[in-house]
Protein backbone atom coordinates (compact mmCIF):
# COMPACT_ATOMS: atom_id res chain seq x y z
CA UNK A 1 -28.76 -26.69 13.65
CA UNK A 2 -25.11 -26.05 13.02
CA UNK A 3 -23.73 -23.17 10.91
CA UNK A 4 -22.12 -25.62 8.34
CA UNK A 5 -25.53 -27.40 8.07
CA UNK A 6 -27.45 -24.04 7.63
CA UNK A 7 -24.77 -23.05 4.98
CA UNK A 8 -25.18 -26.50 2.95
CA UNK A 9 -29.01 -25.81 3.15
CA UNK A 10 -28.65 -22.47 1.64
CA UNK A 11 -26.48 -23.63 -1.29
CA UNK A 12 -28.91 -26.52 -1.82
CA UNK A 13 -31.79 -23.92 -1.99
CA UNK A 14 -29.71 -21.69 -4.34
CA UNK A 15 -28.93 -24.53 -6.57
CA UNK A 16 -32.28 -25.53 -6.90
CA UNK A 17 -33.48 -22.25 -7.79
CA UNK A 18 -30.98 -21.97 -10.77
CA UNK A 19 -27.40 -21.24 -11.34
CA UNK A 20 -28.09 -17.45 -11.73
CA UNK A 21 -28.44 -16.92 -7.81
CA UNK A 22 -25.32 -19.09 -7.09
CA UNK A 23 -23.26 -16.90 -9.61
CA UNK A 24 -24.55 -13.70 -7.50
CA UNK A 25 -23.77 -15.33 -4.26
CA UNK A 26 -20.22 -16.39 -5.29
CA UNK A 27 -19.71 -13.04 -6.91
CA UNK A 28 -20.82 -11.32 -3.60
CA UNK A 29 -18.62 -13.43 -1.43
CA UNK A 30 -15.57 -12.40 -3.47
CA UNK A 31 -16.38 -8.72 -3.96
CA UNK A 32 -17.64 -7.82 -0.57
CA UNK A 33 -14.23 -8.53 1.26
CA UNK A 34 -12.34 -6.72 -1.38
CA UNK A 35 -14.64 -3.56 -1.35
CA UNK A 36 -14.47 -3.64 2.49
CA UNK A 37 -10.60 -3.71 2.48
CA UNK A 38 -10.43 -0.78 -0.13
CA UNK A 39 -13.19 1.13 1.56
CA UNK A 40 -11.37 0.87 4.92
CA UNK A 41 -8.18 2.01 3.52
CA UNK A 42 -9.88 4.93 1.87
CA UNK A 43 -11.73 5.98 5.05
CA UNK A 44 -8.40 5.44 7.12
CA UNK A 45 -6.82 8.20 5.00
CA UNK A 46 -10.01 10.39 4.52
CA UNK A 47 -10.93 10.60 8.07
CA UNK A 48 -7.37 11.16 9.38
CA UNK A 49 -6.67 14.47 11.07
CA UNK A 50 -3.44 13.56 12.54
CA UNK A 51 -0.02 15.42 12.05
CA UNK A 52 2.11 14.62 9.24
CA UNK A 53 5.51 13.23 9.88
CA UNK A 54 8.43 13.31 7.57
CA UNK A 55 11.00 10.66 7.29
CA UNK A 56 14.29 10.57 5.28
CA UNK A 57 14.79 7.17 3.75
CA UNK A 58 17.71 5.94 1.68
CA UNK A 59 16.85 4.48 -1.96
CA UNK A 60 17.87 0.78 -1.71
CA UNK A 61 16.83 -0.23 -5.21
CA UNK A 62 14.88 0.91 -8.28
CA UNK A 63 13.47 -1.17 -11.06
CA UNK A 64 11.11 -1.18 -13.85
CA UNK A 65 8.84 -3.82 -15.35
CA UNK A 66 9.46 -5.09 -18.87
CA UNK A 67 5.80 -5.53 -19.96
CA UNK A 68 3.52 -2.76 -21.21
CA UNK A 69 2.47 -0.45 -19.68
CA UNK A 70 5.88 -0.17 -17.85
CA UNK A 71 5.89 0.21 -14.14
CA UNK A 72 8.64 2.03 -12.21
CA UNK A 73 9.40 1.16 -8.60
CA UNK A 74 11.65 2.61 -5.84
CA UNK A 75 12.57 0.43 -2.92
CA UNK A 76 13.39 2.52 0.31
CA UNK A 77 15.18 1.70 3.52
CA UNK A 78 12.35 1.30 6.18
CA UNK A 79 12.17 4.24 8.54
CA UNK A 80 10.32 1.87 10.99
CA UNK A 81 12.47 -0.21 13.23
CA UNK A 82 12.58 -3.98 12.39
CA UNK A 83 10.50 -3.62 9.30
CA UNK A 84 10.96 -4.66 5.69
CA UNK A 85 11.92 -2.10 3.01
CA UNK A 86 9.18 0.00 1.38
CA UNK A 87 8.61 -0.29 -2.44
CA UNK A 88 6.48 2.40 -4.09
CA UNK A 89 5.57 2.79 -7.60
CA UNK A 90 6.44 6.32 -8.76
CA UNK A 91 7.73 7.07 -12.27
CA UNK A 92 8.66 10.74 -11.55
CA UNK A 93 10.84 9.73 -8.45
CA UNK A 94 12.31 6.92 -10.52
CA UNK A 95 13.90 9.28 -12.93
CA UNK A 96 15.69 11.40 -10.33
CA UNK A 97 17.12 9.00 -7.70
CA UNK A 98 20.12 6.79 -7.56
CA UNK A 99 20.37 3.17 -5.82
CA UNK A 100 22.46 3.67 -2.58
CA UNK A 101 23.12 7.35 -3.00
CA UNK A 102 19.76 9.27 -3.08
CA UNK A 103 17.54 10.14 -0.04
CA UNK A 104 13.84 10.41 -0.26
CA UNK A 105 11.78 12.55 2.01
CA UNK A 106 8.66 10.48 2.91
CA UNK A 107 5.62 12.12 4.53
CA UNK A 108 3.36 9.73 6.48
CA UNK A 109 0.22 10.31 8.65
CA UNK A 110 -0.77 8.11 11.48
CA UNK A 111 -4.27 6.83 10.14
CA UNK A 112 -7.69 7.30 11.58
CA UNK A 113 -7.89 3.53 12.38
CA UNK A 114 -4.15 3.49 13.54
CA UNK A 115 -2.69 2.20 10.05
CA UNK A 116 -0.05 4.58 9.08
CA UNK A 117 -0.18 5.64 5.41
CA UNK A 118 2.23 7.29 2.93
CA UNK A 119 0.97 10.87 1.87
CA UNK A 120 4.00 11.86 -0.21
CA UNK A 121 7.56 10.76 -1.20
CA UNK A 122 9.81 13.30 -2.97
CA UNK A 123 13.62 13.50 -3.66
CA UNK A 124 15.43 14.88 -0.68
CA UNK A 125 18.12 17.21 -1.94
CA UNK A 126 20.25 19.05 0.80
CA UNK A 127 20.33 22.77 0.68
CA UNK A 128 23.25 24.25 -1.30
CA UNK A 129 26.57 23.90 0.70
CA UNK A 130 25.14 21.70 3.27
CA UNK A 131 25.69 17.85 3.59
CA UNK A 132 22.88 15.58 3.51
CA UNK A 133 21.97 13.54 6.77
CA UNK A 134 22.70 10.17 6.03
CA UNK A 135 20.47 7.45 7.61
CA UNK A 136 22.03 4.43 8.76
CA UNK A 137 21.01 0.97 7.36
CA UNK A 138 20.88 -1.79 9.93
């Protein structure tokens, strides 16, 4: 018996038993992948014992949403070659950086499963009397 036929048989049985079981099945089919995706990301960070790496990134843009509650976003030039810019939600950082002028120190870790994750992002101000290193934008 094929997988499709087995699946149709299970759905037919559930429908005959009542719509309550079908609702549980549909809910589980939607919820389980989302829980697995969230749980995998959490485990990737929680089990990670790799060394942190600090990257300095240029602020490309910053914007906020107009709806309530307002969300504040900062877009950074990617520190990874040939990758898209990185947008983070951070109200505190939004208030202190300027477009095309500010630098942000981003701390990342390699991840237990090999998926890099961002640990922190803070305004990168140079030491008094020293010029900041200017990352290039390709």
